[in-house]
C-alpha atoms as a PDB file:
ATOM      1  CA  MET A   1      -0.006  -0.355  -0.191  1.00  0.00           C
ATOM      2  CA  GLU A   2       1.728   3.321  -1.035  1.00  0.00           C
ATOM      3  CA  HIS A   3       1.448   5.978   1.286  1.00  0.00           C
ATOM      4  CA  ARG A   4       1.856  10.006  -0.212  1.00  0.00           C
ATOM      5  CA  PRO A   5       4.456  11.741   2.301  1.00  0.00           C
ATOM      6  CA  ILE A   6       3.291  14.459   4.334  1.00  0.00           C
ATOM      7  CA  GLU A   7       4.433  17.971   3.024  1.00  0.00           C
ATOM      8  CA  GLN A   8       2.720  20.152   3.469  1.00  0.00           C
ATOM      9  CA  LEU A   9       0.806  21.031   7.080  1.00  0.00           C
ATOM     10  CA  PHE A  10      -2.031  23.714   8.096  1.00  0.00           C
ATOM     11  CA  HIS A  11      -2.672  24.729  11.645  1.00  0.00           C
ATOM     12  CA  PRO A  12      -5.115  27.148  12.501  1.00  0.00           C
ATOM     13  CA  THR A  13      -5.203  28.994  15.809  1.00  0.00           C
ATOM     14  CA  ASP A  14      -7.113  30.982  17.388  1.00  0.00           C
ATOM     15  CA  LEU A  15      -4.222  31.201  19.979  1.00  0.00           C
ATOM     16  CA  SER A  16      -6.202  29.745  23.064  1.00  0.00           C
ATOM     17  CA  PRO A  17      -4.175  27.764  25.569  1.00  0.00           C
ATOM     18  CA  GLY A  18      -6.334  25.131  23.767  1.00  0.00           C
ATOM     19  CA  SER A  19      -4.542  25.699  20.759  1.00  0.00           C
ATOM     20  CA  THR A  20      -1.274  25.013  21.887  1.00  0.00           C
ATOM     21  CA  THR A  21      -1.321  21.427  21.742  1.00  0.00           C
ATOM     22  CA  ALA A  22      -2.987  21.710  18.455  1.00  0.00           C
ATOM     23  CA  PHE A  23       0.637  23.656  17.811  1.00  0.00           C
ATOM     24  CA  LEU A  24       2.872  21.107  18.815  1.00  0.00           C
ATOM     25  CA  HIS A  25       1.882  18.199  17.192  1.00  0.00           C
ATOM     26  CA  ALA A  26       1.942  20.137  13.945  1.00  0.00           C
ATOM     27  CA  LEU A  27       5.468  21.296  14.184  1.00  0.00           C
ATOM     28  CA  ARG A  28       6.928  18.305  15.148  1.00  0.00           C
ATOM     29  CA  ILE A  29       5.124  16.350  12.097  1.00  0.00           C
ATOM     30  CA  ALA A  30       6.862  18.656  10.589  1.00  0.00           C
ATOM     31  CA  THR A  31      10.105  18.525  11.871  1.00  0.00           C
ATOM     32  CA  VAL A  32       9.876  14.530  11.476  1.00  0.00           C
ATOM     33  CA  THR A  33       8.455  14.805   7.804  1.00  0.00           C
ATOM     34  CA  ARG A  34      10.715  17.739   7.135  1.00  0.00           C
ATOM     35  CA  SER A  35       7.531  19.569   5.832  1.00  0.00           C
ATOM     36  CA  ARG A  36       6.329  23.197   5.871  1.00  0.00           C
ATOM     37  CA  LEU A  37       4.524  24.234   8.314  1.00  0.00           C
ATOM     38  CA  THR A  38       2.048  27.214   7.662  1.00  0.00           C
ATOM     39  CA  ILE A  39       0.277  28.382  10.912  1.00  0.00           C
ATOM     40  CA  MET A  40      -2.517  31.146  10.469  1.00  0.00           C
ATOM     41  CA  HIS A  41      -4.430  33.400  12.373  1.00  0.00           C
ATOM     42  CA  VAL A  42      -7.474  35.429  12.165  1.00  0.00           C
ATOM     43  CA  ALA A  43      -7.169  38.238  13.574  1.00  0.00           C
ATOM     44  CA  GLU A  44     -10.153  41.038  14.558  1.00  0.00           C
ATOM     45  CA  ASP A  45      -7.471  43.752  15.896  1.00  0.00           C
ATOM     46  CA  GLU A  46      -5.741  45.110  12.697  1.00  0.00           C
ATOM     47  CA  ASP A  47      -2.503  45.604  15.106  1.00  0.00           C
ATOM     48  CA  MET A  48      -1.820  42.486  15.610  1.00  0.00           C
ATOM     49  CA  ASN A  49       2.060  41.500  14.694  1.00  0.00           C
ATOM     50  CA  TRP A  50       2.706  37.646  13.254  1.00  0.00           C
ATOM     51  CA  SER A  51       5.499  37.296  16.083  1.00  0.00           C
ATOM     52  CA  GLU A  52       2.561  36.910  18.660  1.00  0.00           C
ATOM     53  CA  LEU A  53       2.175  33.530  17.036  1.00  0.00           C
ATOM     54  CA  PRO A  54       3.228  30.555  18.761  1.00  0.00           C
ATOM     55  CA  GLY A  55       7.305  30.663  18.649  1.00  0.00           C
ATOM     56  CA  VAL A  56       8.454  28.187  16.747  1.00  0.00           C
ATOM     57  CA  ARG A  57      12.503  28.556  17.261  1.00  0.00           C
ATOM     58  CA  ALA A  58      12.081  28.892  20.809  1.00  0.00           C
ATOM     59  CA  THR A  59       9.783  25.234  21.131  1.00  0.00           C
ATOM     60  CA  LEU A  60      12.415  23.603  18.560  1.00  0.00           C
ATOM     61  CA  ALA A  61      15.594  25.010  20.726  1.00  0.00           C
ATOM     62  CA  ARG A  62      13.370  23.159  23.979  1.00  0.00           C
ATOM     63  CA  TRP A  63      13.124  20.469  22.263  1.00  0.00           C
ATOM     64  CA  GLY A  64      16.809  20.205  21.487  1.00  0.00           C
ATOM     65  CA  LEU A  65      16.922  20.413  17.931  1.00  0.00           C
ATOM     66  CA  ILE A  66      18.259  23.486  16.961  1.00  0.00           C
ATOM     67  CA  ALA A  67      21.100  25.804  19.510  1.00  0.00           C
ATOM     68  CA  GLY A  68      18.529  28.318  20.246  1.00  0.00           C
ATOM     69  CA  ALA A  69      15.891  30.730  18.956  1.00  0.00           C
ATOM     70  CA  GLU A  70      18.310  32.309  16.841  1.00  0.00           C
ATOM     71  CA  ASP A  71      19.556  29.638  15.591  1.00  0.00           C
ATOM     72  CA  MET A  72      18.447  29.829  11.197  1.00  0.00           C
ATOM     73  CA  ASP A  73      20.842  27.813  10.408  1.00  0.00           C
ATOM     74  CA  GLY A  74      19.361  24.824  12.702  1.00  0.00           C
ATOM     75  CA  LEU A  75      16.109  25.109  11.209  1.00  0.00           C
ATOM     76  CA  MET A  76      16.999  25.106   7.799  1.00  0.00           C
ATOM     77  CA  ARG A  77      19.648  21.784   8.694  1.00  0.00           C
ATOM     78  CA  LEU A  78      15.891  20.402   9.943  1.00  0.00           C
ATOM     79  CA  GLY A  79      14.590  20.950   6.779  1.00  0.00           C
ATOM     80  CA  VAL A  80      11.787  22.503   7.911  1.00  0.00           C
ATOM     81  CA  GLY A  81       9.811  25.237   6.367  1.00  0.00           C
ATOM     82  CA  VAL A  82       7.534  27.530   8.220  1.00  0.00           C
ATOM     83  CA  LYS A  83       5.057  30.074   7.266  1.00  0.00           C
ATOM     84  CA  LYS A  84       3.233  32.602   9.348  1.00  0.00           C
ATOM     85  CA  VAL A  85       0.072  34.340   8.513  1.00  0.00           C
ATOM     86  CA  VAL A  86      -2.410  36.530   9.897  1.00  0.00           C
ATOM     87  CA  THR A  87      -4.885  38.565   8.865  1.00  0.00           C
ATOM     88  CA  GLU A  88      -7.695  40.788   9.592  1.00  0.00           C
ATOM     89  CA  GLY A  89     -11.515  39.711   9.689  1.00  0.00           C
ATOM     90  CA  GLY A  90     -14.309  38.467  11.703  1.00  0.00           C
ATOM     91  CA  ASP A  91     -15.106  35.323   9.584  1.00  0.00           C
ATOM     92  CA  PRO A  92     -12.026  32.648  10.494  1.00  0.00           C
ATOM     93  CA  ALA A  93     -13.357  30.187   8.394  1.00  0.00           C
ATOM     94  CA  LYS A  94     -13.904  32.415   5.487  1.00  0.00           C
ATOM     95  CA  ALA A  95     -10.148  33.262   5.836  1.00  0.00           C
ATOM     96  CA  CYS A  96      -8.630  30.021   6.175  1.00  0.00           C
ATOM     97  CA  THR A  97     -10.698  28.428   3.140  1.00  0.00           C
ATOM     98  CA  GLU A  98      -9.532  30.994   0.485  1.00  0.00           C
ATOM     99  CA  TYR A  99      -6.197  30.527   2.081  1.00  0.00           C
ATOM    100  CA  LEU A 100      -6.127  26.649   1.316  1.00  0.00           C
ATOM    101  CA  GLU A 101      -8.077  27.036  -1.748  1.00  0.00           C
ATOM    102  CA  LYS A 102      -5.042  28.433  -3.081  1.00  0.00           C
ATOM    103  CA  HIS A 103      -2.574  26.488  -1.148  1.00  0.00           C
ATOM    104  CA  PRO A 104      -3.620  23.289  -1.077  1.00  0.00           C
ATOM    105  CA  THR A 105      -2.359  20.937   1.929  1.00  0.00           C
ATOM    106  CA  ASP A 106      -1.684  17.219   3.080  1.00  0.00           C
ATOM    107  CA  LEU A 107      -2.535  17.607   6.959  1.00  0.00           C
ATOM    108  CA  ILE A 108      -4.885  20.167   8.660  1.00  0.00           C
ATOM    109  CA  VAL A 109      -3.720  20.280  12.625  1.00  0.00           C
ATOM    110  CA  LEU A 110      -6.473  21.883  14.992  1.00  0.00           C
ATOM    111  CA  SER A 111      -7.860  21.861  18.446  1.00  0.00           C
ATOM    112  CA  THR A 112     -11.481  20.992  19.543  1.00  0.00           C
ATOM    113  CA  HIS A 113     -13.451  21.577  22.519  1.00  0.00           C
ATOM    114  CA  GLN A 114     -15.236  18.671  24.239  1.00  0.00           C
ATOM    115  CA  HIS A 115     -17.471  20.298  26.977  1.00  0.00           C
ATOM    116  CA  GLY A 116     -20.817  21.872  27.071  1.00  0.00           C
ATOM    117  CA  GLY A 117     -21.500  19.949  23.235  1.00  0.00           C
ATOM    118  CA  ARG A 118     -19.399  23.117  21.530  1.00  0.00           C
ATOM    119  CA  MET A 119     -16.492  21.919  19.495  1.00  0.00           C
ATOM    120  CA  GLY A 120     -14.134  24.852  18.819  1.00  0.00           C
ATOM    121  CA  TRP A 121     -13.502  24.835  14.940  1.00  0.00           C
ATOM    122  CA  LEU A 122     -16.479  22.049  14.706  1.00  0.00           C
ATOM    123  CA  LYS A 123     -19.268  24.930  15.534  1.00  0.00           C
ATOM    124  CA  ARG A 124     -20.986  25.689  12.265  1.00  0.00           C
ATOM    125  CA  ARG A 125     -20.225  29.015  11.880  1.00  0.00           C
ATOM    126  CA  VAL A 126     -16.683  27.786  11.059  1.00  0.00           C
ATOM    127  CA  ALA A 127     -16.917  24.091  10.301  1.00  0.00           C
ATOM    128  CA  GLU A 128     -19.092  24.688   7.322  1.00  0.00           C
ATOM    129  CA  PRO A 129     -17.244  27.067   4.712  1.00  0.00           C
ATOM    130  CA  LEU A 130     -13.393  25.854   6.276  1.00  0.00           C
ATOM    131  CA  SER A 131     -14.160  22.301   5.455  1.00  0.00           C
ATOM    132  CA  ARG A 132     -15.776  23.625   1.476  1.00  0.00           C
ATOM    133  CA  ASP A 133     -13.231  21.214  -0.613  1.00  0.00           C
ATOM    134  CA  ALA A 134     -10.626  20.426   1.906  1.00  0.00           C
ATOM    135  CA  HIS A 135     -10.848  16.662   0.976  1.00  0.00           C
ATOM    136  CA  VAL A 136      -7.079  16.185   2.885  1.00  0.00           C
ATOM    137  CA  PRO A 137      -6.573  14.374   6.437  1.00  0.00           C
ATOM    138  CA  THR A 138      -7.771  16.096   9.782  1.00  0.00           C
ATOM    139  CA  LEU A 139      -6.140  15.535  12.740  1.00  0.00           C
ATOM    140  CA  PHE A 140      -8.253  16.491  16.290  1.00  0.00           C
ATOM    141  CA  LEU A 141      -6.762  17.329  19.032  1.00  0.00           C
ATOM    142  CA  PRO A 142      -9.069  17.189  22.025  1.00  0.00           C
ATOM    143  CA  HIS A 143      -8.903  20.166  24.106  1.00  0.00           C
ATOM    144  CA  GLU A 144      -6.758  19.748  27.910  1.00  0.00           C
ATOM    145  CA  ARG A 145      -5.583  16.465  26.291  1.00  0.00           C
ATOM    146  CA  PRO A 146      -1.640  15.557  25.941  1.00  0.00           C
ATOM    147  CA  GLY A 147      -1.815  13.872  22.837  1.00  0.00           C
ATOM    148  CA  PHE A 148       1.114  12.057  21.636  1.00  0.00           C
ATOM    149  CA  VAL A 149       3.784  14.903  21.257  1.00  0.00           C
ATOM    150  CA  ASP A 150       5.954  15.184  24.757  1.00  0.00           C
ATOM    151  CA  PRO A 151       5.541  19.064  25.400  1.00  0.00           C
ATOM    152  CA  ASP A 152       9.345  19.148  26.491  1.00  0.00           C
ATOM    153  CA  THR A 153      10.867  17.198  25.072  1.00  0.00           C
ATOM    154  CA  GLY A 154       9.343  16.433  21.607  1.00  0.00           C
ATOM    155  CA  ALA A 155       9.146  13.162  22.099  1.00  0.00           C
ATOM    156  CA  VAL A 156       6.686  11.102  19.700  1.00  0.00           C
ATOM    157  CA  ASN A 157       4.508   8.598  21.487  1.00  0.00           C
ATOM    158  CA  ILE A 158       2.731   6.054  18.838  1.00  0.00           C
ATOM    159  CA  ARG A 159       2.394   2.752  19.518  1.00  0.00           C
ATOM    160  CA  ASN A 160      -1.392   1.726  19.412  1.00  0.00           C
ATOM    161  CA  ILE A 161      -3.905   2.878  17.017  1.00  0.00           C
ATOM    162  CA  LEU A 162      -7.052   2.200  16.948  1.00  0.00           C
ATOM    163  CA  VAL A 163      -8.928   2.105  13.051  1.00  0.00           C
ATOM    164  CA  PRO A 164     -13.088   1.684  13.245  1.00  0.00           C
ATOM    165  CA  MET A 165     -14.128  -0.028  10.360  1.00  0.00           C
ATOM    166  CA  ALA A 166     -17.397  -0.461   8.362  1.00  0.00           C
ATOM    167  CA  HIS A 167     -18.624  -1.350   4.738  1.00  0.00           C
ATOM    168  CA  ASP A 168     -19.661   1.998   4.945  1.00  0.00           C
ATOM    169  CA  PRO A 169     -17.718   4.304   4.131  1.00  0.00           C
ATOM    170  CA  HIS A 170     -14.905   1.568   2.986  1.00  0.00           C
ATOM    171  CA  PRO A 171     -11.854   1.731   5.886  1.00  0.00           C
ATOM    172  CA  ARG A 172      -8.938   1.691   3.076  1.00  0.00           C
ATOM    173  CA  PRO A 173      -8.430   5.884   3.269  1.00  0.00           C
ATOM    174  CA  ALA A 174      -8.012   5.225   7.079  1.00  0.00           C
ATOM    175  CA  ILE A 175      -5.945   2.147   7.062  1.00  0.00           C
ATOM    176  CA  ARG A 176      -3.745   4.172   4.516  1.00  0.00           C
ATOM    177  CA  ALA A 177      -3.152   6.837   7.048  1.00  0.00           C
ATOM    178  CA  ALA A 178      -2.854   5.118  10.066  1.00  0.00           C
ATOM    179  CA  VAL A 179       0.214   3.244   8.323  1.00  0.00           C
ATOM    180  CA  ARG A 180       1.294   6.760   6.779  1.00  0.00           C
ATOM    181  CA  MET A 181       1.210   8.584  10.259  1.00  0.00           C
ATOM    182  CA  ALA A 182       2.878   4.751  12.047  1.00  0.00           C
ATOM    183  CA  HIS A 183       5.834   4.743   8.819  1.00  0.00           C
ATOM    184  CA  GLN A 184       6.445   8.160   9.087  1.00  0.00           C
ATOM    185  CA  LEU A 185       6.211   9.303  13.202  1.00  0.00           C
ATOM    186  CA  ALA A 186       5.783   6.553  15.484  1.00  0.00           C
ATOM    187  CA  GLY A 187       9.647   5.806  14.657  1.00  0.00           C
ATOM    188  CA  GLY A 188       9.172   2.364  16.642  1.00  0.00           C
ATOM    189  CA  PRO A 189       6.810  -0.703  16.497  1.00  0.00           C
ATOM    190  CA  VAL A 190       3.155   0.363  16.115  1.00  0.00           C
ATOM    191  CA  ARG A 191       0.040  -2.045  16.728  1.00  0.00           C
ATOM    192  CA  ILE A 192      -3.049  -1.195  14.540  1.00  0.00           C
ATOM    193  CA  THR A 193      -6.137  -2.688  15.609  1.00  0.00           C
ATOM    194  CA  LEU A 194      -9.157  -2.634  13.438  1.00  0.00           C
ATOM    195  CA  LEU A 195     -12.286  -2.625  14.810  1.00  0.00           C
ATOM    196  CA  HIS A 196     -15.640  -3.842  13.808  1.00  0.00           C
ATOM    197  CA  VAL A 197     -18.591  -2.786  16.123  1.00  0.00           C
ATOM    198  CA  GLY A 198     -21.335  -5.776  14.652  1.00  0.00           C
ATOM    199  CA  GLY A 199     -21.779  -9.281  13.245  1.00  0.00           C
ATOM    200  CA  ALA A 200     -18.421 -11.100  13.076  1.00  0.00           C
ATOM    201  CA  ASP A 201     -20.111 -12.643   9.237  1.00  0.00           C
ATOM    202  CA  ALA A 202     -20.410  -8.727   8.591  1.00  0.00           C
ATOM    203  CA  ALA A 203     -17.067  -7.720   9.382  1.00  0.00           C
ATOM    204  CA  PRO A 204     -15.150  -5.618   6.438  1.00  0.00           C
ATOM    205  CA  GLN A 205     -12.292  -7.656   5.470  1.00  0.00           C
ATOM    206  CA  PRO A 206      -9.769  -4.870   4.588  1.00  0.00           C
ATOM    207  CA  ASP A 207      -6.457  -5.704   2.162  1.00  0.00           C
ATOM    208  CA  VAL A 208      -3.845  -4.661   5.450  1.00  0.00           C
ATOM    209  CA  PRO A 209      -0.183  -4.362   3.869  1.00  0.00           C
ATOM    210  CA  THR A 210       3.191  -5.743   4.970  1.00  0.00           C
ATOM    211  CA  VAL A 211       4.758  -2.758   6.729  1.00  0.00           C
ATOM    212  CA  GLU A 212       8.169  -3.471   8.908  1.00  0.00           C
ATOM    213  CA  GLY A 213       7.116  -2.752  12.627  1.00  0.00           C
ATOM    214  CA  ILE A 214       3.608  -3.078  11.919  1.00  0.00           C
ATOM    215  CA  THR A 215       1.279  -5.382  13.664  1.00  0.00           C
ATOM    216  CA  TRP A 216      -2.639  -5.865  12.554  1.00  0.00           C
ATOM    217  CA  ASP A 217      -5.136  -6.865  14.812  1.00  0.00           C
ATOM    218  CA  HIS A 218      -8.711  -7.629  14.647  1.00  0.00           C
ATOM    219  CA  GLN A 219     -11.505  -7.263  16.813  1.00  0.00           C
ATOM    220  CA  VAL A 220     -14.985  -7.762  16.240  1.00  0.00           C
ATOM    221  CA  ARG A 221     -17.436  -5.675  18.913  1.00  0.00           C
ATOM    222  CA  GLY A 222     -21.346  -6.082  20.095  1.00  0.00           C
ATOM    223  CA  GLY A 223     -23.046  -2.763  21.414  1.00  0.00           C
ATOM    224  CA  GLU A 224     -23.497   0.826  20.715  1.00  0.00           C
ATOM    225  CA  VAL A 225     -20.789   2.129  17.913  1.00  0.00           C
ATOM    226  CA  GLU A 226     -19.183   4.811  19.446  1.00  0.00           C
ATOM    227  CA  GLU A 227     -19.478   3.624  23.001  1.00  0.00           C
ATOM    228  CA  SER A 228     -17.762   0.661  21.367  1.00  0.00           C
ATOM    229  CA  ILE A 229     -15.142   2.509  19.654  1.00  0.00           C
ATOM    230  CA  LEU A 230     -13.996   4.633  22.966  1.00  0.00           C
ATOM    231  CA  GLN A 231     -14.302   1.096  25.207  1.00  0.00           C
ATOM    232  CA  VAL A 232     -11.806  -0.990  22.620  1.00  0.00           C
ATOM    233  CA  ALA A 233      -9.941   2.965  22.659  1.00  0.00           C
ATOM    234  CA  ALA A 234      -9.118   2.807  26.250  1.00  0.00           C
ATOM    235  CA  ASP A 235      -8.615  -0.987  26.668  1.00  0.00           C
ATOM    236  CA  ARG A 236      -5.826  -0.644  24.296  1.00  0.00           C
ATOM    237  CA  GLU A 237      -4.716   2.922  25.410  1.00  0.00           C
ATOM    238  CA  ALA A 238      -5.039   4.024  21.677  1.00  0.00           C
ATOM    239  CA  ASP A 239      -2.660   6.758  20.995  1.00  0.00           C
ATOM    240  CA  LEU A 240      -4.339   7.794  18.021  1.00  0.00           C
ATOM    241  CA  ILE A 241      -8.014   7.028  16.578  1.00  0.00           C
ATOM    242  CA  VAL A 242      -8.082   7.164  12.614  1.00  0.00           C
ATOM    243  CA  MET A 243     -11.659   6.994  11.250  1.00  0.00           C
ATOM    244  CA  THR A 244     -12.935   7.357   7.328  1.00  0.00           C
ATOM    245  CA  THR A 245     -15.431   9.625   7.292  1.00  0.00           C
ATOM    246  CA  LYS A 246     -18.205  10.684   4.082  1.00  0.00           C
ATOM    247  CA  GLY A 247     -19.309  14.374   3.150  1.00  0.00           C
ATOM    248  CA  HIS A 248     -20.821  15.605  -0.348  1.00  0.00           C
ATOM    249  CA  GLU A 249     -20.109  19.738   0.534  1.00  0.00           C
ATOM    250  CA  GLY A 250     -17.167  19.502   3.026  1.00  0.00           C
ATOM    251  CA  PHE A 251     -14.825  17.310   4.866  1.00  0.00           C
ATOM    252  CA  LEU A 252     -15.998  18.896   8.374  1.00  0.00           C
ATOM    253  CA  ASP A 253     -19.239  18.755   7.930  1.00  0.00           C
ATOM    254  CA  ALA A 254     -19.152  15.384   6.669  1.00  0.00           C
ATOM    255  CA  LEU A 255     -18.765  14.665  10.422  1.00  0.00           C
ATOM    256  CA  ARG A 256     -21.755  16.696  11.892  1.00  0.00           C
ATOM    257  CA  GLY A 257     -23.779  14.781  13.562  1.00  0.00           C
ATOM    258  CA  ASN A 258     -22.107  11.149  12.565  1.00  0.00           C
ATOM    259  CA  THR A 259     -19.718   8.208  14.293  1.00  0.00           C
ATOM    260  CA  THR A 260     -16.971  10.467  13.522  1.00  0.00           C
ATOM    261  CA  GLU A 261     -18.399  13.357  15.496  1.00  0.00           C
ATOM    262  CA  ARG A 262     -19.627  11.235  18.286  1.00  0.00           C
ATOM    263  CA  VAL A 263     -16.153   9.767  19.020  1.00  0.00           C
ATOM    264  CA  LEU A 264     -14.624  13.359  18.675  1.00  0.00           C
ATOM    265  CA  ARG A 265     -17.087  14.560  21.441  1.00  0.00           C
ATOM    266  CA  GLN A 266     -15.370  11.839  24.146  1.00  0.00           C
ATOM    267  CA  ALA A 267     -12.073  10.566  22.866  1.00  0.00           C
ATOM    268  CA  ARG A 268      -9.332  10.743  25.107  1.00  0.00           C
ATOM    269  CA  CYS A 269      -6.620  10.430  22.207  1.00  0.00           C
ATOM    270  CA  PRO A 270      -6.086  12.204  18.958  1.00  0.00           C
ATOM    271  CA  VAL A 271      -8.784  11.564  16.377  1.00  0.00           C
ATOM    272  CA  LEU A 272      -7.355  11.828  12.300  1.00  0.00           C
ATOM    273  CA  ALA A 273     -10.373  11.759  10.078  1.00  0.00           C
ATOM    274  CA  THR A 274      -9.694  11.360   6.595  1.00  0.00           C
ATOM    275  CA  LEU A 275     -12.306  11.465   3.679  1.00  0.00           C
ATOM    276  CA  SER A 276     -13.616   8.916   1.826  1.00  0.00           C
END
């Protein structure tokens, strides 16, 4: 199974504390994959400057990846490109959408809020326009959860990935995305659990690749779909859940009210959603 490398990342931030974890994950993925990272903030204050965005070099210095915050040569040796974009406007979704239309990306990394039924970037006023035509994987970092990147050292901890499966949408995109994340980020052995909730005779039988360092585990569970997914994620101590979702008008709108969105509300680990 071929897996397209991650070369471009897009991280929209509202500069809230909850966005910090998403920033750290976007930056660490960029360093591992030697990618170009765009950090974008839509400001209501016309006097805001791009220097107010998260400190890339200071973070890399804390992780020991460059000598210090002024080490531009070290940044170049890492092979990471960073672009900070600040634009004025009252509609962050529209601004992000317009940017992505001109600057395609391979992965979007953002934070979600799970409390009170409100999910940050998944709120309709942001989700609908942001998602339009953004047919790329999106990594959601649950607010106030640590994720798989150590904030102090930058170490990546991905050892267990859960991929829920159904016939519709087909699990192939999620399996491909899970392999890509394991191959490019994990740096060690990874167990990928393929989970079907329902009868064993109805479980999909997808082809899985033989990849060094990846072991496959097939699970069939009964019960409510979302509850079973979350329970298996807890039992397996999943570092990442990867799900396929489908939609017609846009990526994030496809999550609204379906299994992926409901899992996002309660997941204790990052969720990577990719379109069928």
